[in-house]
């Protein structure tokens, strides 16, 4: 189990570092399309090509990991790739990381250890070839809904004459790519299970081809999102969608189950939760830090406002004190003068 987890960590590191290099290369490139000039421009960009090759190498390592462990274990571990992405961005792109980023990285790392400790080898469940059309129908339905939502957002942006992408569009591109990446892993695992259960050997390359088509389509959507949107938003939404898709599809379509031992089940569930929470903290760290700073500034301003009247009243008391001294001196003078007259 730990071998497959280490392979997954290496695979997701290659995937996410490759995405950063691709993002850096797309700065001077036009939007990705199937035109010959655009494809040639991407092929001649060294940074983009290196990132693409690292992404492909990570995908190959992921296939190896899927052949050794369940999808419900592999896909959540792949979520720690965002932590690797943040660390790489910190040291390579010199991006400043705040305390929330480090907390998210720590939680994702602990969650990965929990998944490795709770995951266990499972017995193969009898599969049916009809699971593939069922998965295709579900994915097709989801994409119709997401693309409809995307068109509505684009129409509203054009009406408002906004040039930059809205955050909803970044989320949709991330969700679409993540769903496709998760389904790609499920279909690849399905091919290996077919081979173990004595099905025809041609089903394995067929499943891998379908998986590559899903990954390629997800790569296309992700590249469009990375071109116009923020890499951290697109990558995070893709990671969360990939985790949820892999876990749900693995349990529903592949018959994967939770561990039978209570401690192992608890460790696996806590690992899933920690990884997802770590991913959410990583994507929302900047806004969370700004919110905390604004709240602290408001508290300080309220304290200053409350302290202001007290300070003014005390200053007034200090201002009236000299007059009180003068009045006392005058009273003493009058008393002394009256006593002299009596004498």
C-alpha atoms as a PDB file:
ATOM      1  CA  UNK A   1       0.000   0.000   0.000  1.00  0.00           C
ATOM      2  CA  UNK A   2       2.773   2.433   0.881  1.00  0.00           C
ATOM      3  CA  UNK A   3       4.480   1.769  -2.457  1.00  0.00           C
ATOM      4  CA  UNK A   4       1.369   2.862  -4.332  1.00  0.00           C
ATOM      5  CA  UNK A   5       1.051   5.950  -2.109  1.00  0.00           C
ATOM      6  CA  UNK A   6       4.660   6.970  -2.770  1.00  0.00           C
ATOM      7  CA  UNK A   7       4.074   6.480  -6.483  1.00  0.00           C
ATOM      8  CA  UNK A   8       0.953   8.637  -6.224  1.00  0.00           C
ATOM      9  CA  UNK A   9       2.848  11.418  -4.442  1.00  0.00           C
ATOM     10  CA  UNK A  10       5.562  11.341  -7.132  1.00  0.00           C
ATOM     11  CA  UNK A  11       2.911  11.292  -9.861  1.00  0.00           C
ATOM     12  CA  UNK A  12       0.950  14.209  -8.455  1.00  0.00           C
ATOM     13  CA  UNK A  13       4.198  16.144  -7.952  1.00  0.00           C
ATOM     14  CA  UNK A  14       4.989  15.715 -11.634  1.00  0.00           C
ATOM     15  CA  UNK A  15       1.445  16.680 -12.600  1.00  0.00           C
ATOM     16  CA  UNK A  16       1.305  19.845 -10.514  1.00  0.00           C
ATOM     17  CA  UNK A  17       4.836  21.070 -11.197  1.00  0.00           C
ATOM     18  CA  UNK A  18       4.111  20.461 -14.858  1.00  0.00           C
ATOM     19  CA  UNK A  19       0.991  22.617 -14.554  1.00  0.00           C
ATOM     20  CA  UNK A  20       3.000  25.472 -13.077  1.00  0.00           C
ATOM     21  CA  UNK A  21       5.489  25.288 -15.940  1.00  0.00           C
ATOM     22  CA  UNK A  22       2.635  25.141 -18.419  1.00  0.00           C
ATOM     23  CA  UNK A  23       1.039  28.167 -16.766  1.00  0.00           C
ATOM     24  CA  UNK A  24       4.336  30.038 -17.039  1.00  0.00           C
ATOM     25  CA  UNK A  25       4.676  29.059 -20.693  1.00  0.00           C
ATOM     26  CA  UNK A  26       1.126  30.087 -21.640  1.00  0.00           C
ATOM     27  CA  UNK A  27       1.779  33.715 -20.649  1.00  0.00           C
ATOM     28  CA  UNK A  28       3.150  34.530 -24.095  1.00  0.00           C
ATOM     29  CA  UNK A  29       1.038  31.965 -25.973  1.00  0.00           C
ATOM     30  CA  UNK A  30      -2.399  32.350 -27.574  1.00  0.00           C
ATOM     31  CA  UNK A  31      -5.423  30.403 -26.250  1.00  0.00           C
ATOM     32  CA  UNK A  32      -5.137  26.702 -26.978  1.00  0.00           C
ATOM     33  CA  UNK A  33      -6.995  25.573 -30.084  1.00  0.00           C
ATOM     34  CA  UNK A  34      -6.636  22.998 -32.840  1.00  0.00           C
ATOM     35  CA  UNK A  35      -5.159  25.464 -35.341  1.00  0.00           C
ATOM     36  CA  UNK A  36      -1.778  24.470 -36.755  1.00  0.00           C
ATOM     37  CA  UNK A  37      -0.121  27.792 -35.874  1.00  0.00           C
ATOM     38  CA  UNK A  38      -1.286  27.599 -32.275  1.00  0.00           C
ATOM     39  CA  UNK A  39      -0.153  23.977 -31.876  1.00  0.00           C
ATOM     40  CA  UNK A  40       3.238  24.850 -33.366  1.00  0.00           C
ATOM     41  CA  UNK A  41       3.614  27.794 -30.952  1.00  0.00           C
ATOM     42  CA  UNK A  42       2.943  25.522 -27.997  1.00  0.00           C
ATOM     43  CA  UNK A  43       5.330  22.849 -29.313  1.00  0.00           C
ATOM     44  CA  UNK A  44       8.183  25.377 -29.694  1.00  0.00           C
ATOM     45  CA  UNK A  45       7.805  26.783 -26.189  1.00  0.00           C
ATOM     46  CA  UNK A  46      10.396  24.954 -24.041  1.00  0.00           C
ATOM     47  CA  UNK A  47       8.809  25.798 -20.692  1.00  0.00           C
ATOM     48  CA  UNK A  48       5.416  24.547 -21.794  1.00  0.00           C
ATOM     49  CA  UNK A  49       6.904  21.378 -23.342  1.00  0.00           C
ATOM     50  CA  UNK A  50       8.842  20.528 -20.153  1.00  0.00           C
ATOM     51  CA  UNK A  51       5.709  21.019 -18.103  1.00  0.00           C
ATOM     52  CA  UNK A  52       3.723  18.880 -20.516  1.00  0.00           C
ATOM     53  CA  UNK A  53       6.281  16.054 -20.356  1.00  0.00           C
ATOM     54  CA  UNK A  54       6.318  16.164 -16.556  1.00  0.00           C
ATOM     55  CA  UNK A  55       2.541  15.990 -16.596  1.00  0.00           C
ATOM     56  CA  UNK A  56       2.633  12.936 -18.872  1.00  0.00           C
ATOM     57  CA  UNK A  57       5.298  11.262 -16.705  1.00  0.00           C
ATOM     58  CA  UNK A  58       3.122  11.855 -13.656  1.00  0.00           C
ATOM     59  CA  UNK A  59       0.177  10.290 -15.477  1.00  0.00           C
ATOM     60  CA  UNK A  60       2.234   7.151 -16.191  1.00  0.00           C
ATOM     61  CA  UNK A  61       3.228   6.877 -12.539  1.00  0.00           C
ATOM     62  CA  UNK A  62      -0.424   7.296 -11.620  1.00  0.00           C
ATOM     63  CA  UNK A  63      -1.359   4.350 -13.850  1.00  0.00           C
ATOM     64  CA  UNK A  64       1.197   2.219 -12.050  1.00  0.00           C
ATOM     65  CA  UNK A  65      -0.189   3.278  -8.686  1.00  0.00           C
ATOM     66  CA  UNK A  66      -3.743   2.500  -9.793  1.00  0.00           C
ATOM     67  CA  UNK A  67      -2.730  -1.015 -10.706  1.00  0.00           C
ATOM     68  CA  UNK A  68      -1.574  -1.590  -7.116  1.00  0.00           C
ATOM     69  CA  UNK A  69      -4.224   0.103  -4.935  1.00  0.00           C
ATOM     70  CA  UNK A  70      -7.934   1.070  -4.957  1.00  0.00           C
ATOM     71  CA  UNK A  71      -9.063   4.319  -6.555  1.00  0.00           C
ATOM     72  CA  UNK A  72     -10.642   5.445  -3.268  1.00  0.00           C
ATOM     73  CA  UNK A  73      -7.120   5.462  -1.804  1.00  0.00           C
ATOM     74  CA  UNK A  74      -5.160   6.816  -4.766  1.00  0.00           C
ATOM     75  CA  UNK A  75      -7.390   9.769  -5.668  1.00  0.00           C
ATOM     76  CA  UNK A  76      -7.475  11.377  -2.201  1.00  0.00           C
ATOM     77  CA  UNK A  77      -3.694  11.067  -1.932  1.00  0.00           C
ATOM     78  CA  UNK A  78      -3.414  12.893  -5.245  1.00  0.00           C
ATOM     79  CA  UNK A  79      -4.977  15.892  -3.496  1.00  0.00           C
ATOM     80  CA  UNK A  80      -1.692  16.534  -1.706  1.00  0.00           C
ATOM     81  CA  UNK A  81      -0.362  17.631  -5.087  1.00  0.00           C
ATOM     82  CA  UNK A  82      -1.675  21.119  -4.305  1.00  0.00           C
ATOM     83  CA  UNK A  83       0.608  21.223  -1.267  1.00  0.00           C
ATOM     84  CA  UNK A  84       3.524  20.267  -3.499  1.00  0.00           C
ATOM     85  CA  UNK A  85       2.364  22.927  -5.949  1.00  0.00           C
ATOM     86  CA  UNK A  86       2.415  25.584  -3.217  1.00  0.00           C
ATOM     87  CA  UNK A  87       5.889  24.593  -2.022  1.00  0.00           C
ATOM     88  CA  UNK A  88       7.235  24.594  -5.576  1.00  0.00           C
ATOM     89  CA  UNK A  89       5.668  28.005  -6.226  1.00  0.00           C
ATOM     90  CA  UNK A  90       7.252  29.307  -3.025  1.00  0.00           C
ATOM     91  CA  UNK A  91      10.791  28.232  -3.899  1.00  0.00           C
ATOM     92  CA  UNK A  92      10.692  28.423  -7.713  1.00  0.00           C
ATOM     93  CA  UNK A  93       8.352  31.348  -8.418  1.00  0.00           C
ATOM     94  CA  UNK A  94       9.291  33.122  -5.156  1.00  0.00           C
ATOM     95  CA  UNK A  95       5.656  33.405  -4.100  1.00  0.00           C
ATOM     96  CA  UNK A  96       5.145  34.400  -0.468  1.00  0.00           C
ATOM     97  CA  UNK A  97       3.335  31.833   1.666  1.00  0.00           C
ATOM     98  CA  UNK A  98       1.383  32.808   4.763  1.00  0.00           C
ATOM     99  CA  UNK A  99       0.629  30.814   7.900  1.00  0.00           C
ATOM    100  CA  UNK A 100      -2.647  29.471   6.487  1.00  0.00           C
ATOM    101  CA  UNK A 101      -0.772  27.986   3.513  1.00  0.00           C
ATOM    102  CA  UNK A 102       1.570  26.102   5.822  1.00  0.00           C
ATOM    103  CA  UNK A 103      -1.376  24.861   7.893  1.00  0.00           C
ATOM    104  CA  UNK A 104      -3.053  23.571   4.710  1.00  0.00           C
ATOM    105  CA  UNK A 105       0.146  21.831   3.625  1.00  0.00           C
ATOM    106  CA  UNK A 106       0.508  20.237   7.052  1.00  0.00           C
ATOM    107  CA  UNK A 107      -3.084  18.988   7.077  1.00  0.00           C
ATOM    108  CA  UNK A 108      -2.770  17.565   3.564  1.00  0.00           C
ATOM    109  CA  UNK A 109       0.437  15.764   4.549  1.00  0.00           C
ATOM    110  CA  UNK A 110      -1.095  14.320   7.716  1.00  0.00           C
ATOM    111  CA  UNK A 111      -4.159  13.288   5.711  1.00  0.00           C
ATOM    112  CA  UNK A 112      -1.941  11.461   3.253  1.00  0.00           C
ATOM    113  CA  UNK A 113      -0.352   9.524   6.125  1.00  0.00           C
ATOM    114  CA  UNK A 114      -3.812   8.728   7.479  1.00  0.00           C
ATOM    115  CA  UNK A 115      -4.990   7.401   4.128  1.00  0.00           C
ATOM    116  CA  UNK A 116      -1.875   5.260   3.875  1.00  0.00           C
ATOM    117  CA  UNK A 117      -2.372   3.891   7.381  1.00  0.00           C
ATOM    118  CA  UNK A 118      -6.088   3.219   6.884  1.00  0.00           C
ATOM    119  CA  UNK A 119      -6.049   1.908   3.342  1.00  0.00           C
ATOM    120  CA  UNK A 120      -6.003  -1.805   2.797  1.00  0.00           C
ATOM    121  CA  UNK A 121      -5.957  -4.280  -0.041  1.00  0.00           C
ATOM    122  CA  UNK A 122      -9.439  -5.290  -1.179  1.00  0.00           C
ATOM    123  CA  UNK A 123     -10.793  -8.347  -2.893  1.00  0.00           C
ATOM    124  CA  UNK A 124     -11.783  -7.923  -6.502  1.00  0.00           C
ATOM    125  CA  UNK A 125     -15.525  -7.523  -7.074  1.00  0.00           C
ATOM    126  CA  UNK A 126     -17.218  -8.893 -10.179  1.00  0.00           C
ATOM    127  CA  UNK A 127     -17.495  -6.073 -12.714  1.00  0.00           C
ATOM    128  CA  UNK A 128     -19.694  -5.575 -15.735  1.00  0.00           C
ATOM    129  CA  UNK A 129     -18.804  -3.986 -19.062  1.00  0.00           C
ATOM    130  CA  UNK A 130     -22.017  -1.985 -18.803  1.00  0.00           C
ATOM    131  CA  UNK A 131     -20.464   0.099 -16.035  1.00  0.00           C
ATOM    132  CA  UNK A 132     -18.569   2.094 -18.675  1.00  0.00           C
ATOM    133  CA  UNK A 133     -21.708   3.357 -20.531  1.00  0.00           C
ATOM    134  CA  UNK A 134     -23.267   4.168 -17.160  1.00  0.00           C
ATOM    135  CA  UNK A 135     -20.265   6.291 -16.176  1.00  0.00           C
ATOM    136  CA  UNK A 136     -20.265   7.956 -19.588  1.00  0.00           C
ATOM    137  CA  UNK A 137     -23.938   8.894 -19.185  1.00  0.00           C
ATOM    138  CA  UNK A 138     -23.352  10.411 -15.737  1.00  0.00           C
ATOM    139  CA  UNK A 139     -20.341  12.417 -16.921  1.00  0.00           C
ATOM    140  CA  UNK A 140     -22.213  13.592 -20.024  1.00  0.00           C
ATOM    141  CA  UNK A 141     -25.106  14.821 -17.863  1.00  0.00           C
ATOM    142  CA  UNK A 142     -22.775  16.677 -15.504  1.00  0.00           C
ATOM    143  CA  UNK A 143     -21.004  18.356 -18.382  1.00  0.00           C
ATOM    144  CA  UNK A 144     -24.270  19.518 -19.936  1.00  0.00           C
ATOM    145  CA  UNK A 145     -25.163  21.213 -16.638  1.00  0.00           C
ATOM    146  CA  UNK A 146     -21.701  22.744 -16.132  1.00  0.00           C
ATOM    147  CA  UNK A 147     -21.401  23.987 -19.708  1.00  0.00           C
ATOM    148  CA  UNK A 148     -24.876  25.515 -19.491  1.00  0.00           C
ATOM    149  CA  UNK A 149     -23.833  27.334 -16.342  1.00  0.00           C
ATOM    150  CA  UNK A 150     -20.607  28.420 -18.056  1.00  0.00           C
ATOM    151  CA  UNK A 151     -22.492  29.906 -21.021  1.00  0.00           C
ATOM    152  CA  UNK A 152     -24.743  31.861 -18.681  1.00  0.00           C
ATOM    153  CA  UNK A 153     -21.695  33.293 -16.884  1.00  0.00           C
ATOM    154  CA  UNK A 154     -20.020  34.242 -20.168  1.00  0.00           C
ATOM    155  CA  UNK A 155     -23.203  35.898 -21.409  1.00  0.00           C
ATOM    156  CA  UNK A 156     -23.473  37.958 -18.223  1.00  0.00           C
ATOM    157  CA  UNK A 157     -19.810  38.937 -18.445  1.00  0.00           C
ATOM    158  CA  UNK A 158     -20.247  40.141 -22.018  1.00  0.00           C
ATOM    159  CA  UNK A 159     -23.298  42.173 -21.080  1.00  0.00           C
ATOM    160  CA  UNK A 160     -21.376  43.829 -18.272  1.00  0.00           C
ATOM    161  CA  UNK A 161     -18.365  44.319 -20.609  1.00  0.00           C
ATOM    162  CA  UNK A 162     -15.991  42.579 -18.226  1.00  0.00           C
ATOM    163  CA  UNK A 163     -12.716  41.397 -19.749  1.00  0.00           C
ATOM    164  CA  UNK A 164     -11.391  39.259 -16.874  1.00  0.00           C
ATOM    165  CA  UNK A 165     -12.768  35.836 -16.082  1.00  0.00           C
ATOM    166  CA  UNK A 166     -15.225  35.596 -13.216  1.00  0.00           C
ATOM    167  CA  UNK A 167     -14.382  33.258 -10.341  1.00  0.00           C
ATOM    168  CA  UNK A 168     -17.379  31.088 -11.264  1.00  0.00           C
ATOM    169  CA  UNK A 169     -15.864  30.397 -14.678  1.00  0.00           C
ATOM    170  CA  UNK A 170     -12.558  29.416 -13.069  1.00  0.00           C
ATOM    171  CA  UNK A 171     -14.410  27.057 -10.741  1.00  0.00           C
ATOM    172  CA  UNK A 172     -16.348  25.476 -13.624  1.00  0.00           C
ATOM    173  CA  UNK A 173     -13.200  24.840 -15.661  1.00  0.00           C
ATOM    174  CA  UNK A 174     -11.556  23.334 -12.579  1.00  0.00           C
ATOM    175  CA  UNK A 175     -14.560  21.119 -11.822  1.00  0.00           C
ATOM    176  CA  UNK A 176     -14.796  19.878 -15.403  1.00  0.00           C
ATOM    177  CA  UNK A 177     -11.117  18.998 -15.579  1.00  0.00           C
ATOM    178  CA  UNK A 178     -11.200  17.378 -12.115  1.00  0.00           C
ATOM    179  CA  UNK A 179     -14.216  15.229 -12.952  1.00  0.00           C
ATOM    180  CA  UNK A 180     -12.524  14.028 -16.112  1.00  0.00           C
ATOM    181  CA  UNK A 181      -9.279  13.273 -14.250  1.00  0.00           C
ATOM    182  CA  UNK A 182     -11.186  11.294 -11.622  1.00  0.00           C
ATOM    183  CA  UNK A 183     -13.155   9.346 -14.231  1.00  0.00           C
ATOM    184  CA  UNK A 184      -9.911   8.693 -16.074  1.00  0.00           C
ATOM    185  CA  UNK A 185      -8.442   7.014 -12.998  1.00  0.00           C
ATOM    186  CA  UNK A 186     -11.608   4.965 -12.463  1.00  0.00           C
ATOM    187  CA  UNK A 187     -11.641   3.706 -16.050  1.00  0.00           C
ATOM    188  CA  UNK A 188      -7.944   2.822 -15.878  1.00  0.00           C
ATOM    189  CA  UNK A 189      -8.508   0.855 -12.692  1.00  0.00           C
ATOM    190  CA  UNK A 190     -11.494  -0.828 -14.345  1.00  0.00           C
ATOM    191  CA  UNK A 191      -9.235  -2.062 -17.141  1.00  0.00           C
ATOM    192  CA  UNK A 192      -6.812  -3.660 -14.653  1.00  0.00           C
ATOM    193  CA  UNK A 193      -9.724  -5.293 -12.828  1.00  0.00           C
ATOM    194  CA  UNK A 194     -11.062  -6.677 -16.110  1.00  0.00           C
ATOM    195  CA  UNK A 195      -7.652  -8.245 -16.746  1.00  0.00           C
ATOM    196  CA  UNK A 196      -7.553  -9.819 -13.267  1.00  0.00           C
ATOM    197  CA  UNK A 197     -11.020 -11.293 -13.686  1.00  0.00           C
ATOM    198  CA  UNK A 198     -10.196 -13.045 -16.944  1.00  0.00           C
ATOM    199  CA  UNK A 199     -11.858 -10.742 -19.458  1.00  0.00           C
ATOM    200  CA  UNK A 200     -10.415 -10.297 -22.931  1.00  0.00           C
ATOM    201  CA  UNK A 201      -7.010  -8.606 -22.945  1.00  0.00           C
ATOM    202  CA  UNK A 202      -8.167  -6.021 -25.468  1.00  0.00           C
ATOM    203  CA  UNK A 203     -10.335  -4.431 -22.788  1.00  0.00           C
ATOM    204  CA  UNK A 204      -7.222  -3.152 -21.006  1.00  0.00           C
ATOM    205  CA  UNK A 205      -5.908  -1.018 -23.909  1.00  0.00           C
ATOM    206  CA  UNK A 206      -9.475   0.055 -24.666  1.00  0.00           C
ATOM    207  CA  UNK A 207      -9.951   1.289 -21.107  1.00  0.00           C
ATOM    208  CA  UNK A 208      -6.562   3.000 -21.185  1.00  0.00           C
ATOM    209  CA  UNK A 209      -7.469   4.709 -24.464  1.00  0.00           C
ATOM    210  CA  UNK A 210     -10.758   5.914 -23.003  1.00  0.00           C
ATOM    211  CA  UNK A 211      -8.863   7.063 -19.921  1.00  0.00           C
ATOM    212  CA  UNK A 212      -6.391   8.974 -22.079  1.00  0.00           C
ATOM    213  CA  UNK A 213      -9.260  10.636 -23.932  1.00  0.00           C
ATOM    214  CA  UNK A 214     -10.772  11.703 -20.622  1.00  0.00           C
ATOM    215  CA  UNK A 215      -7.410  12.990 -19.391  1.00  0.00           C
ATOM    216  CA  UNK A 216      -6.786  14.807 -22.680  1.00  0.00           C
ATOM    217  CA  UNK A 217     -10.181  16.475 -22.543  1.00  0.00           C
ATOM    218  CA  UNK A 218      -9.609  17.386 -18.906  1.00  0.00           C
ATOM    219  CA  UNK A 219      -6.209  18.758 -19.867  1.00  0.00           C
ATOM    220  CA  UNK A 220      -7.886  20.877 -22.558  1.00  0.00           C
ATOM    221  CA  UNK A 221     -10.387  22.369 -20.101  1.00  0.00           C
ATOM    222  CA  UNK A 222      -7.699  22.941 -17.511  1.00  0.00           C
ATOM    223  CA  UNK A 223      -5.418  24.686 -20.003  1.00  0.00           C
ATOM    224  CA  UNK A 224      -8.224  27.061 -20.952  1.00  0.00           C
ATOM    225  CA  UNK A 225      -8.825  27.781 -17.287  1.00  0.00           C
ATOM    226  CA  UNK A 226      -5.112  28.306 -16.587  1.00  0.00           C
ATOM    227  CA  UNK A 227      -4.781  30.641 -19.561  1.00  0.00           C
ATOM    228  CA  UNK A 228      -7.367  33.160 -18.398  1.00  0.00           C
ATOM    229  CA  UNK A 229      -7.869  32.321 -14.724  1.00  0.00           C
ATOM    230  CA  UNK A 230      -5.819  31.887 -11.591  1.00  0.00           C
ATOM    231  CA  UNK A 231      -3.795  28.692 -11.376  1.00  0.00           C
ATOM    232  CA  UNK A 232      -4.516  28.157  -7.683  1.00  0.00           C
ATOM    233  CA  UNK A 233      -8.323  28.308  -8.131  1.00  0.00           C
ATOM    234  CA  UNK A 234      -8.406  26.062 -11.193  1.00  0.00           C
ATOM    235  CA  UNK A 235      -5.978  23.533  -9.698  1.00  0.00           C
ATOM    236  CA  UNK A 236      -7.778  23.413  -6.363  1.00  0.00           C
ATOM    237  CA  UNK A 237     -11.214  22.880  -7.869  1.00  0.00           C
ATOM    238  CA  UNK A 238      -9.717  20.208 -10.105  1.00  0.00           C
ATOM    239  CA  UNK A 239      -8.116  18.488  -7.108  1.00  0.00           C
ATOM    240  CA  UNK A 240     -11.299  18.486  -4.998  1.00  0.00           C
ATOM    241  CA  UNK A 241     -13.459  17.318  -7.919  1.00  0.00           C
ATOM    242  CA  UNK A 242     -10.947  14.598  -8.750  1.00  0.00           C
ATOM    243  CA  UNK A 243     -10.931  13.330  -5.146  1.00  0.00           C
ATOM    244  CA  UNK A 244     -14.710  13.231  -4.809  1.00  0.00           C
ATOM    245  CA  UNK A 245     -15.193  11.711  -8.264  1.00  0.00           C
ATOM    246  CA  UNK A 246     -12.579   9.018  -7.642  1.00  0.00           C
ATOM    247  CA  UNK A 247     -13.966   8.063  -4.226  1.00  0.00           C
ATOM    248  CA  UNK A 248     -17.646   8.014  -5.260  1.00  0.00           C
ATOM    249  CA  UNK A 249     -17.106   6.316  -8.608  1.00  0.00           C
ATOM    250  CA  UNK A 250     -14.712   3.823  -7.042  1.00  0.00           C
ATOM    251  CA  UNK A 251     -17.285   2.797  -4.443  1.00  0.00           C
ATOM    252  CA  UNK A 252     -20.334   2.829  -6.724  1.00  0.00           C
ATOM    253  CA  UNK A 253     -18.866   1.491  -9.971  1.00  0.00           C
ATOM    254  CA  UNK A 254     -15.927  -0.610  -8.807  1.00  0.00           C
ATOM    255  CA  UNK A 255     -17.431  -1.963  -5.593  1.00  0.00           C
ATOM    256  CA  UNK A 256     -14.681  -0.600  -3.347  1.00  0.00           C
ATOM    257  CA  UNK A 257     -15.481  -0.610   0.372  1.00  0.00           C
ATOM    258  CA  UNK A 258     -14.267   1.037   3.536  1.00  0.00           C
ATOM    259  CA  UNK A 259     -11.827  -0.955   5.698  1.00  0.00           C
ATOM    260  CA  UNK A 260     -13.416  -3.483   8.015  1.00  0.00           C
ATOM    261  CA  UNK A 261     -11.279  -2.578  11.062  1.00  0.00           C
ATOM    262  CA  UNK A 262     -12.700   0.419  12.996  1.00  0.00           C
ATOM    263  CA  UNK A 263      -9.282   2.056  13.511  1.00  0.00           C
ATOM    264  CA  UNK A 264      -8.340   1.703   9.854  1.00  0.00           C
ATOM    265  CA  UNK A 265     -11.734   3.077   8.779  1.00  0.00           C
ATOM    266  CA  UNK A 266     -11.364   6.041  11.131  1.00  0.00           C
ATOM    267  CA  UNK A 267      -7.841   6.747   9.857  1.00  0.00           C
ATOM    268  CA  UNK A 268      -9.023   6.605   6.247  1.00  0.00           C
ATOM    269  CA  UNK A 269     -11.994   8.924   6.844  1.00  0.00           C
ATOM    270  CA  UNK A 270      -9.868  11.381   8.816  1.00  0.00           C
ATOM    271  CA  UNK A 271      -7.282  11.300   6.059  1.00  0.00           C
ATOM    272  CA  UNK A 272      -9.915  12.178   3.446  1.00  0.00           C
ATOM    273  CA  UNK A 273     -11.239  15.018   5.597  1.00  0.00           C
ATOM    274  CA  UNK A 274      -7.793  16.442   6.377  1.00  0.00           C
ATOM    275  CA  UNK A 275      -6.762  16.390   2.732  1.00  0.00           C
ATOM    276  CA  UNK A 276      -9.947  18.176   1.611  1.00  0.00           C
ATOM    277  CA  UNK A 277      -9.684  20.742   4.429  1.00  0.00           C
ATOM    278  CA  UNK A 278      -6.025  21.317   3.583  1.00  0.00           C
ATOM    279  CA  UNK A 279      -6.896  21.873  -0.061  1.00  0.00           C
ATOM    280  CA  UNK A 280      -9.648  24.342   0.855  1.00  0.00           C
ATOM    281  CA  UNK A 281      -7.292  26.245   3.165  1.00  0.00           C
ATOM    282  CA  UNK A 282      -4.678  26.431   0.432  1.00  0.00           C
ATOM    283  CA  UNK A 283      -7.086  27.908  -2.075  1.00  0.00           C
ATOM    284  CA  UNK A 284      -8.678  30.345   0.368  1.00  0.00           C
ATOM    285  CA  UNK A 285      -5.587  31.325   2.334  1.00  0.00           C
ATOM    286  CA  UNK A 286      -5.255  34.790   0.808  1.00  0.00           C
ATOM    287  CA  UNK A 287      -8.873  35.739   1.394  1.00  0.00           C
ATOM    288  CA  UNK A 288      -8.834  34.252   4.884  1.00  0.00           C
ATOM    289  CA  UNK A 289      -5.749  36.261   5.833  1.00  0.00           C
ATOM    290  CA  UNK A 290      -7.337  39.443   4.430  1.00  0.00           C
ATOM    291  CA  UNK A 291     -10.512  38.754   6.391  1.00  0.00           C
ATOM    292  CA  UNK A 292      -8.564  38.256   9.604  1.00  0.00           C
ATOM    293  CA  UNK A 293      -6.573  41.443   8.998  1.00  0.00           C
ATOM    294  CA  UNK A 294      -9.740  43.448   8.309  1.00  0.00           C
ATOM    295  CA  UNK A 295     -11.429  42.068  11.418  1.00  0.00           C
ATOM    296  CA  UNK A 296      -8.391  42.931  13.560  1.00  0.00           C
ATOM    297  CA  UNK A 297      -8.328  46.463  12.116  1.00  0.00           C
ATOM    298  CA  UNK A 298     -12.009  46.899  12.887  1.00  0.00           C
ATOM    299  CA  UNK A 299     -11.450  45.774  16.465  1.00  0.00           C
ATOM    300  CA  UNK A 300      -8.598  48.240  16.831  1.00  0.00           C
ATOM    301  CA  UNK A 301     -10.686  51.065  15.396  1.00  0.00           C
ATOM    302  CA  UNK A 302     -13.545  50.222  17.778  1.00  0.00           C
ATOM    303  CA  UNK A 303     -11.126  50.212  20.710  1.00  0.00           C
ATOM    304  CA  UNK A 304      -9.753  53.597  19.617  1.00  0.00           C
ATOM    305  CA  UNK A 305     -13.284  54.975  19.317  1.00  0.00           C
ATOM    306  CA  UNK A 306     -14.186  53.725  22.776  1.00  0.00           C
ATOM    307  CA  UNK A 307     -10.929  54.973  24.235  1.00  0.00           C
ATOM    308  CA  UNK A 308     -11.345  58.413  22.623  1.00  0.00           C
ATOM    309  CA  UNK A 309     -14.227  59.727  24.792  1.00  0.00           C
ATOM    310  CA  UNK A 310     -12.511  58.461  27.931  1.00  0.00           C
ATOM    311  CA  UNK A 311      -9.377  60.259  26.928  1.00  0.00           C
ATOM    312  CA  UNK A 312     -11.262  63.476  26.201  1.00  0.00           C
ATOM    313  CA  UNK A 313     -13.106  63.324  29.537  1.00  0.00           C
ATOM    314  CA  UNK A 314      -9.864  62.766  31.414  1.00  0.00           C
ATOM    315  CA  UNK A 315      -8.295  65.661  29.548  1.00  0.00           C
ATOM    316  CA  UNK A 316     -11.233  67.815  30.552  1.00  0.00           C
ATOM    317  CA  UNK A 317     -10.720  66.843  34.173  1.00  0.00           C
ATOM    318  CA  UNK A 318      -7.075  67.765  33.917  1.00  0.00           C
ATOM    319  CA  UNK A 319      -8.010  71.080  32.345  1.00  0.00           C
ATOM    320  CA  UNK A 320     -10.445  71.944  35.180  1.00  0.00           C
ATOM    321  CA  UNK A 321      -7.969  71.057  37.894  1.00  0.00           C
ATOM    322  CA  UNK A 322      -5.913  74.359  37.615  1.00  0.00           C
ATOM    323  CA  UNK A 323      -9.071  76.418  38.087  1.00  0.00           C
ATOM    324  CA  UNK A 324      -9.899  74.397  41.179  1.00  0.00           C
ATOM    325  CA  UNK A 325      -6.446  75.210  42.550  1.00  0.00           C
ATOM    326  CA  UNK A 326      -6.961  78.900  41.824  1.00  0.00           C
ATOM    327  CA  UNK A 327     -10.340  78.936  43.561  1.00  0.00           C
ATOM    328  CA  UNK A 328      -8.838  77.251  46.637  1.00  0.00           C
ATOM    329  CA  UNK A 329      -6.069  79.845  46.793  1.00  0.00           C
ATOM    330  CA  UNK A 330      -8.597  82.655  46.520  1.00  0.00           C
ATOM    331  CA  UNK A 331     -10.694  81.093  49.285  1.00  0.00           C
ATOM    332  CA  UNK A 332      -7.649  80.878  51.573  1.00  0.00           C
ATOM    333  CA  UNK A 333      -6.836  84.514  50.856  1.00  0.00           C
ATOM    334  CA  UNK A 334     -10.369  85.591  51.736  1.00  0.00           C
ATOM    335  CA  UNK A 335     -10.321  83.585  54.947  1.00  0.00           C
ATOM    336  CA  UNK A 336      -6.997  85.085  55.991  1.00  0.00           C
ATOM    337  CA  UNK A 337      -8.214  88.616  55.252  1.00  0.00           C
ATOM    338  CA  UNK A 338     -11.439  88.146  57.256  1.00  0.00           C
ATOM    339  CA  UNK A 339      -9.492  86.836  60.215  1.00  0.00           C
ATOM    340  CA  UNK A 340      -7.263  89.960  60.177  1.00  0.00           C
ATOM    341  CA  UNK A 341     -10.302  92.233  60.174  1.00  0.00           C
ATOM    342  CA  UNK A 342     -11.723  90.458  63.231  1.00  0.00           C
ATOM    343  CA  UNK A 343      -8.449  90.825  65.021  1.00  0.00           C
END
